[in-house]
Amino acid sequence: MQAAYPYLAKAKGSVISFASGAGLFGNFGQCAYAAAKEGIRGLTRVAATEWSKDGINGNVVCPLAWTAQLEGFKDAYPEAFEKNVHTPPMGRFGDPELDIGRACVMLASSDLKYMTGETLTFEGGIGLRP
């Protein structure tokens, strides 16, 4: 992010970071992963605060999409997979391009420049909370 800063400032660009529901929800057996992802959220929120004066906004996306990495997690850690990865209320996992990618295009657009420092979950309703 630091290396990109001059270009982001010149273009009044957007930072989109990726974190995880593992940090938001405290997933079983994922302490190190959750801590790393929460670090990304913290870093992005600080950048959003410090860089907003330069027209740069920054937000975090926590996606749940069926990917090769998730398939690998299922094979490598079946117990943790069973405790953490549930079918969302929407009945399916997100598509990386159609569900997550399109949301990121919108986040990077001028239509959402006033939003900064936020975390958006795209996980089919798994994180529904009161």
N, C-alpha and C. Protein backbone atom coordinates (compact mmCIF):
# COMPACT_ATOMS: atom_id res chain seq x y z
N MET A 1 0.84 -1.19 0.00
CA MET A 1 0.00 0.00 0.00
C MET A 1 0.88 1.25 0.00
N GLN A 2 1.94 1.20 0.79
CA GLN A 2 2.83 2.36 0.89
C GLN A 2 3.47 2.66 -0.46
N ALA A 3 3.90 1.62 -1.19
CA ALA A 3 4.52 1.82 -2.50
C ALA A 3 3.52 2.39 -3.50
N ALA A 4 2.26 2.04 -3.36
CA ALA A 4 1.23 2.52 -4.28
C ALA A 4 0.71 3.91 -3.91
N TYR A 5 1.02 4.37 -2.71
CA TYR A 5 0.46 5.63 -2.22
C TYR A 5 0.59 6.80 -3.21
N PRO A 6 1.77 7.09 -3.78
CA PRO A 6 1.85 8.25 -4.68
C PRO A 6 0.89 8.16 -5.87
N TYR A 7 0.72 6.96 -6.38
CA TYR A 7 -0.17 6.76 -7.52
C TYR A 7 -1.63 6.85 -7.10
N LEU A 8 -1.94 6.31 -5.92
CA LEU A 8 -3.29 6.41 -5.39
C LEU A 8 -3.67 7.87 -5.13
N ALA A 9 -2.74 8.63 -4.58
CA ALA A 9 -3.01 10.04 -4.29
C ALA A 9 -3.23 10.83 -5.57
N LYS A 10 -2.41 10.57 -6.56
CA LYS A 10 -2.54 11.29 -7.84
C LYS A 10 -3.89 10.99 -8.50
N ALA A 11 -4.31 9.72 -8.44
CA ALA A 11 -5.54 9.30 -9.10
C ALA A 11 -6.77 9.40 -8.20
N LYS A 12 -6.56 9.78 -6.92
CA LYS A 12 -7.66 9.75 -5.94
C LYS A 12 -8.27 8.34 -5.93
N GLY A 13 -7.40 7.36 -5.80
CA GLY A 13 -7.77 5.96 -5.93
C GLY A 13 -8.40 5.34 -4.70
N SER A 14 -8.60 4.06 -4.80
CA SER A 14 -9.24 3.29 -3.75
C SER A 14 -8.39 2.08 -3.40
N VAL A 15 -8.34 1.78 -2.12
CA VAL A 15 -7.69 0.56 -1.63
C VAL A 15 -8.81 -0.41 -1.26
N ILE A 16 -8.69 -1.63 -1.77
CA ILE A 16 -9.61 -2.70 -1.38
C ILE A 16 -8.76 -3.83 -0.85
N SER A 17 -8.91 -4.11 0.43
CA SER A 17 -8.17 -5.19 1.06
C SER A 17 -9.10 -6.36 1.30
N PHE A 18 -8.51 -7.54 1.42
CA PHE A 18 -9.30 -8.74 1.66
C PHE A 18 -8.97 -9.31 3.02
N ALA A 19 -10.00 -9.52 3.82
CA ALA A 19 -9.86 -10.14 5.13
C ALA A 19 -10.75 -11.38 5.14
N SER A 20 -11.26 -11.74 6.30
CA SER A 20 -12.00 -12.99 6.38
C SER A 20 -12.98 -13.00 7.54
N GLY A 21 -14.04 -13.74 7.35
CA GLY A 21 -14.97 -13.98 8.44
C GLY A 21 -14.32 -14.72 9.60
N ALA A 22 -13.18 -15.38 9.35
CA ALA A 22 -12.47 -16.08 10.42
C ALA A 22 -12.12 -15.12 11.54
N GLY A 23 -11.72 -13.91 11.19
CA GLY A 23 -11.41 -12.90 12.19
C GLY A 23 -12.66 -12.28 12.78
N LEU A 24 -13.63 -12.01 11.94
CA LEU A 24 -14.86 -11.38 12.42
C LEU A 24 -15.64 -12.28 13.37
N PHE A 25 -15.65 -13.59 13.07
CA PHE A 25 -16.51 -14.50 13.81
C PHE A 25 -15.76 -15.42 14.75
N GLY A 26 -14.42 -15.39 14.75
CA GLY A 26 -13.64 -16.23 15.65
C GLY A 26 -13.72 -17.71 15.32
N ASN A 27 -13.46 -18.04 14.09
CA ASN A 27 -13.60 -19.43 13.65
C ASN A 27 -12.71 -20.41 14.42
N PHE A 28 -13.27 -21.56 14.70
CA PHE A 28 -12.59 -22.64 15.40
C PHE A 28 -11.28 -23.02 14.70
N GLY A 29 -10.21 -23.12 15.47
CA GLY A 29 -8.94 -23.62 14.95
C GLY A 29 -8.21 -22.71 13.99
N GLN A 30 -8.62 -21.46 13.89
CA GLN A 30 -8.01 -20.57 12.91
C GLN A 30 -7.39 -19.34 13.56
N CYS A 31 -6.75 -19.51 14.71
CA CYS A 31 -6.21 -18.39 15.47
C CYS A 31 -5.23 -17.54 14.66
N ALA A 32 -4.19 -18.15 14.11
CA ALA A 32 -3.18 -17.39 13.38
C ALA A 32 -3.77 -16.74 12.13
N TYR A 33 -4.59 -17.47 11.42
CA TYR A 33 -5.22 -16.95 10.20
C TYR A 33 -6.13 -15.76 10.54
N ALA A 34 -6.94 -15.94 11.58
CA ALA A 34 -7.85 -14.86 11.99
C ALA A 34 -7.08 -13.62 12.42
N ALA A 35 -5.99 -13.81 13.16
CA ALA A 35 -5.18 -12.68 13.61
C ALA A 35 -4.57 -11.94 12.42
N ALA A 36 -4.08 -12.69 11.45
CA ALA A 36 -3.49 -12.06 10.26
C ALA A 36 -4.54 -11.26 9.49
N LYS A 37 -5.71 -11.82 9.34
CA LYS A 37 -6.77 -11.13 8.60
C LYS A 37 -7.27 -9.89 9.35
N GLU A 38 -7.32 -9.96 10.67
CA GLU A 38 -7.70 -8.78 11.45
C GLU A 38 -6.62 -7.70 11.35
N GLY A 39 -5.36 -8.11 11.22
CA GLY A 39 -4.28 -7.15 10.99
C GLY A 39 -4.47 -6.40 9.67
N ILE A 40 -4.91 -7.10 8.66
CA ILE A 40 -5.20 -6.46 7.37
C ILE A 40 -6.32 -5.45 7.53
N ARG A 41 -7.35 -5.81 8.28
CA ARG A 41 -8.45 -4.86 8.52
C ARG A 41 -7.95 -3.62 9.24
N GLY A 42 -7.12 -3.81 10.26
CA GLY A 42 -6.59 -2.67 11.01
C GLY A 42 -5.73 -1.78 10.14
N LEU A 43 -4.86 -2.38 9.36
CA LEU A 43 -3.99 -1.63 8.45
C LEU A 43 -4.81 -0.79 7.47
N THR A 44 -5.82 -1.39 6.91
CA THR A 44 -6.65 -0.68 5.93
C THR A 44 -7.43 0.45 6.58
N ARG A 45 -7.91 0.25 7.78
CA ARG A 45 -8.65 1.30 8.48
C ARG A 45 -7.75 2.49 8.83
N VAL A 46 -6.50 2.20 9.21
CA VAL A 46 -5.55 3.28 9.48
C VAL A 46 -5.26 4.05 8.19
N ALA A 47 -5.03 3.32 7.10
CA ALA A 47 -4.79 3.99 5.82
C ALA A 47 -6.00 4.83 5.43
N ALA A 48 -7.20 4.32 5.65
CA ALA A 48 -8.41 5.07 5.33
C ALA A 48 -8.46 6.38 6.11
N THR A 49 -8.06 6.32 7.37
CA THR A 49 -8.05 7.51 8.21
C THR A 49 -6.97 8.50 7.75
N GLU A 50 -5.77 8.01 7.56
CA GLU A 50 -4.64 8.89 7.24
C GLU A 50 -4.67 9.41 5.80
N TRP A 51 -5.16 8.63 4.88
CA TRP A 51 -5.09 9.00 3.46
C TRP A 51 -6.35 9.65 2.92
N SER A 52 -7.41 9.69 3.70
CA SER A 52 -8.65 10.28 3.18
C SER A 52 -8.47 11.74 2.80
N LYS A 53 -7.58 12.44 3.50
CA LYS A 53 -7.33 13.86 3.17
C LYS A 53 -6.76 14.01 1.75
N ASP A 54 -6.18 12.93 1.21
CA ASP A 54 -5.62 12.95 -0.13
C ASP A 54 -6.57 12.36 -1.17
N GLY A 55 -7.81 12.12 -0.77
CA GLY A 55 -8.81 11.61 -1.71
C GLY A 55 -8.76 10.11 -1.91
N ILE A 56 -8.03 9.42 -1.06
CA ILE A 56 -7.93 7.96 -1.15
C ILE A 56 -8.88 7.35 -0.14
N ASN A 57 -9.72 6.45 -0.59
CA ASN A 57 -10.56 5.72 0.36
C ASN A 57 -10.10 4.28 0.40
N GLY A 58 -10.39 3.63 1.51
CA GLY A 58 -9.98 2.24 1.68
C GLY A 58 -11.03 1.45 2.42
N ASN A 59 -11.35 0.29 1.91
CA ASN A 59 -12.35 -0.57 2.52
C ASN A 59 -11.87 -2.01 2.48
N VAL A 60 -12.54 -2.84 3.26
CA VAL A 60 -12.17 -4.24 3.39
C VAL A 60 -13.33 -5.12 2.94
N VAL A 61 -13.00 -6.16 2.21
CA VAL A 61 -13.98 -7.15 1.77
C VAL A 61 -13.67 -8.47 2.45
N CYS A 62 -14.69 -9.06 3.05
CA CYS A 62 -14.57 -10.41 3.62
C CYS A 62 -15.48 -11.32 2.78
N PRO A 63 -14.89 -12.04 1.83
CA PRO A 63 -15.70 -12.86 0.93
C PRO A 63 -15.83 -14.31 1.39
N LEU A 64 -16.88 -14.95 0.97
CA LEU A 64 -16.99 -16.40 1.07
C LEU A 64 -17.34 -16.89 -0.32
N ALA A 65 -16.33 -17.40 -0.99
CA ALA A 65 -16.51 -17.89 -2.36
C ALA A 65 -15.85 -19.25 -2.46
N TRP A 66 -16.40 -20.11 -3.28
CA TRP A 66 -15.81 -21.43 -3.47
C TRP A 66 -14.65 -21.29 -4.43
N THR A 67 -13.45 -21.55 -3.92
CA THR A 67 -12.23 -21.40 -4.71
C THR A 67 -11.36 -22.65 -4.54
N ALA A 68 -10.30 -22.71 -5.32
CA ALA A 68 -9.35 -23.81 -5.19
C ALA A 68 -8.72 -23.80 -3.79
N GLN A 69 -8.50 -22.62 -3.22
CA GLN A 69 -7.93 -22.52 -1.88
C GLN A 69 -8.88 -23.10 -0.84
N LEU A 70 -10.17 -22.84 -0.98
CA LEU A 70 -11.13 -23.40 -0.03
C LEU A 70 -11.21 -24.91 -0.18
N GLU A 71 -11.13 -25.38 -1.39
CA GLU A 71 -11.10 -26.83 -1.63
C GLU A 71 -9.87 -27.45 -0.96
N GLY A 72 -8.72 -26.77 -1.07
CA GLY A 72 -7.50 -27.23 -0.43
C GLY A 72 -7.61 -27.25 1.09
N PHE A 73 -8.26 -26.21 1.64
CA PHE A 73 -8.49 -26.16 3.09
C PHE A 73 -9.35 -27.35 3.52
N LYS A 74 -10.37 -27.65 2.74
CA LYS A 74 -11.25 -28.77 3.04
C LYS A 74 -10.46 -30.07 3.09
N ASP A 75 -9.56 -30.27 2.14
CA ASP A 75 -8.77 -31.50 2.09
C ASP A 75 -7.71 -31.55 3.20
N ALA A 76 -7.07 -30.43 3.48
CA ALA A 76 -5.98 -30.40 4.45
C ALA A 76 -6.45 -30.39 5.90
N TYR A 77 -7.57 -29.76 6.15
CA TYR A 77 -8.07 -29.59 7.53
C TYR A 77 -9.56 -29.92 7.60
N PRO A 78 -9.91 -31.17 7.38
CA PRO A 78 -11.33 -31.52 7.32
C PRO A 78 -12.12 -31.19 8.59
N GLU A 79 -11.49 -31.34 9.76
CA GLU A 79 -12.20 -31.04 11.01
C GLU A 79 -12.50 -29.54 11.11
N ALA A 80 -11.51 -28.72 10.84
CA ALA A 80 -11.72 -27.27 10.88
C ALA A 80 -12.71 -26.84 9.80
N PHE A 81 -12.63 -27.46 8.64
CA PHE A 81 -13.58 -27.14 7.56
C PHE A 81 -15.00 -27.41 8.02
N GLU A 82 -15.23 -28.57 8.60
CA GLU A 82 -16.58 -28.93 9.05
C GLU A 82 -17.10 -27.98 10.13
N LYS A 83 -16.22 -27.48 11.00
CA LYS A 83 -16.65 -26.58 12.08
C LYS A 83 -16.84 -25.15 11.61
N ASN A 84 -16.23 -24.78 10.48
CA ASN A 84 -16.21 -23.37 10.06
C ASN A 84 -16.94 -23.06 8.77
N VAL A 85 -16.95 -23.98 7.85
CA VAL A 85 -17.48 -23.66 6.52
C VAL A 85 -18.85 -24.31 6.36
N HIS A 86 -19.85 -23.47 6.47
CA HIS A 86 -21.23 -23.94 6.37
C HIS A 86 -21.87 -23.34 5.13
N THR A 87 -22.86 -24.00 4.63
CA THR A 87 -23.57 -23.46 3.49
C THR A 87 -24.32 -22.20 3.94
N PRO A 88 -24.12 -21.11 3.23
CA PRO A 88 -24.79 -19.86 3.61
C PRO A 88 -26.31 -19.98 3.51
N PRO A 89 -27.03 -19.13 4.23
CA PRO A 89 -28.49 -19.12 4.12
C PRO A 89 -28.98 -18.96 2.68
N MET A 90 -28.18 -18.32 1.83
CA MET A 90 -28.57 -18.17 0.43
C MET A 90 -28.48 -19.49 -0.33
N GLY A 91 -27.89 -20.53 0.29
CA GLY A 91 -27.87 -21.84 -0.32
C GLY A 91 -26.70 -22.13 -1.25
N ARG A 92 -25.75 -21.23 -1.32
CA ARG A 92 -24.60 -21.44 -2.21
C ARG A 92 -23.44 -20.57 -1.76
N PHE A 93 -22.26 -20.92 -2.22
CA PHE A 93 -21.08 -20.10 -2.00
C PHE A 93 -21.02 -19.07 -3.11
N GLY A 94 -20.34 -17.96 -2.83
CA GLY A 94 -20.23 -16.91 -3.83
C GLY A 94 -19.34 -17.30 -4.99
N ASP A 95 -19.61 -16.69 -6.12
CA ASP A 95 -18.78 -16.84 -7.30
C ASP A 95 -17.71 -15.74 -7.24
N PRO A 96 -16.43 -16.09 -7.33
CA PRO A 96 -15.38 -15.08 -7.20
C PRO A 96 -15.52 -13.89 -8.16
N GLU A 97 -15.94 -14.15 -9.36
CA GLU A 97 -16.08 -13.06 -10.33
C GLU A 97 -17.42 -12.35 -10.23
N LEU A 98 -18.48 -13.12 -10.27
CA LEU A 98 -19.81 -12.52 -10.35
C LEU A 98 -20.26 -11.88 -9.04
N ASP A 99 -19.99 -12.51 -7.93
CA ASP A 99 -20.46 -11.99 -6.65
C ASP A 99 -19.44 -11.07 -5.98
N ILE A 100 -18.19 -11.50 -5.94
CA ILE A 100 -17.17 -10.73 -5.23
C ILE A 100 -16.55 -9.68 -6.15
N GLY A 101 -16.18 -10.09 -7.34
CA GLY A 101 -15.53 -9.18 -8.29
C GLY A 101 -16.38 -7.95 -8.62
N ARG A 102 -17.63 -8.18 -8.87
CA ARG A 102 -18.52 -7.05 -9.21
C ARG A 102 -18.65 -6.08 -8.04
N ALA A 103 -18.69 -6.62 -6.83
CA ALA A 103 -18.75 -5.75 -5.65
C ALA A 103 -17.48 -4.91 -5.55
N CYS A 104 -16.34 -5.50 -5.86
CA CYS A 104 -15.07 -4.76 -5.80
C CYS A 104 -15.00 -3.67 -6.87
N VAL A 105 -15.54 -3.95 -8.04
CA VAL A 105 -15.59 -2.92 -9.09
C VAL A 105 -16.40 -1.73 -8.58
N MET A 106 -17.51 -1.99 -7.93
CA MET A 106 -18.32 -0.91 -7.38
C MET A 106 -17.57 -0.16 -6.29
N LEU A 107 -16.86 -0.89 -5.42
CA LEU A 107 -16.10 -0.24 -4.35
C LEU A 107 -15.02 0.69 -4.91
N ALA A 108 -14.46 0.32 -6.04
CA ALA A 108 -13.40 1.13 -6.64
C ALA A 108 -13.94 2.29 -7.47
N SER A 109 -15.25 2.33 -7.68
CA SER A 109 -15.82 3.36 -8.53
C SER A 109 -15.99 4.69 -7.78
N SER A 110 -16.20 5.72 -8.54
CA SER A 110 -16.41 7.05 -7.95
C SER A 110 -17.75 7.12 -7.20
N ASP A 111 -18.65 6.18 -7.46
CA ASP A 111 -19.95 6.19 -6.78
C ASP A 111 -19.83 5.94 -5.28
N LEU A 112 -18.75 5.29 -4.85
CA LEU A 112 -18.60 4.97 -3.43
C LEU A 112 -17.39 5.63 -2.79
N LYS A 113 -16.95 6.76 -3.32
CA LYS A 113 -15.78 7.44 -2.78
C LYS A 113 -15.99 7.97 -1.36
N TYR A 114 -17.22 8.20 -0.96
CA TYR A 114 -17.47 8.73 0.38
C TYR A 114 -17.39 7.65 1.44
N MET A 115 -17.41 6.40 1.03
CA MET A 115 -17.30 5.30 1.99
C MET A 115 -15.84 4.95 2.17
N THR A 116 -15.39 4.93 3.43
CA THR A 116 -14.01 4.56 3.71
C THR A 116 -13.91 3.95 5.10
N GLY A 117 -12.97 3.00 5.24
CA GLY A 117 -12.74 2.36 6.52
C GLY A 117 -13.77 1.30 6.90
N GLU A 118 -14.56 0.89 5.95
CA GLU A 118 -15.63 -0.06 6.25
C GLU A 118 -15.23 -1.49 5.90
N THR A 119 -15.87 -2.43 6.55
CA THR A 119 -15.71 -3.85 6.24
C THR A 119 -17.03 -4.36 5.70
N LEU A 120 -16.97 -4.92 4.50
CA LEU A 120 -18.17 -5.48 3.88
C LEU A 120 -18.02 -6.98 3.80
N THR A 121 -19.04 -7.70 4.22
CA THR A 121 -19.01 -9.15 4.12
C THR A 121 -19.89 -9.58 2.95
N PHE A 122 -19.31 -10.41 2.12
CA PHE A 122 -20.04 -11.01 0.99
C PHE A 122 -19.96 -12.51 1.23
N GLU A 123 -20.93 -13.00 2.01
CA GLU A 123 -20.88 -14.38 2.46
C GLU A 123 -22.26 -15.04 2.53
N GLY A 124 -23.15 -14.55 1.71
CA GLY A 124 -24.45 -15.20 1.56
C GLY A 124 -25.29 -15.27 2.82
N GLY A 125 -25.00 -14.42 3.80
CA GLY A 125 -25.80 -14.35 5.00
C GLY A 125 -25.28 -15.13 6.19
N ILE A 126 -24.09 -15.75 6.06
CA ILE A 126 -23.55 -16.52 7.19
C ILE A 126 -23.34 -15.64 8.42
N GLY A 127 -22.96 -14.41 8.21
CA GLY A 127 -22.68 -13.53 9.34
C GLY A 127 -23.86 -12.73 9.84
N LEU A 128 -25.06 -13.14 9.51
CA LEU A 128 -26.24 -12.41 9.99
C LEU A 128 -26.16 -12.24 11.49
N ARG A 129 -26.29 -11.02 11.92
CA ARG A 129 -26.26 -10.73 13.35
C ARG A 129 -27.35 -9.72 13.68
N PRO A 130 -27.72 -9.69 14.95
CA PRO A 130 -28.80 -8.75 15.32
C PRO A 130 -28.42 -7.31 15.09
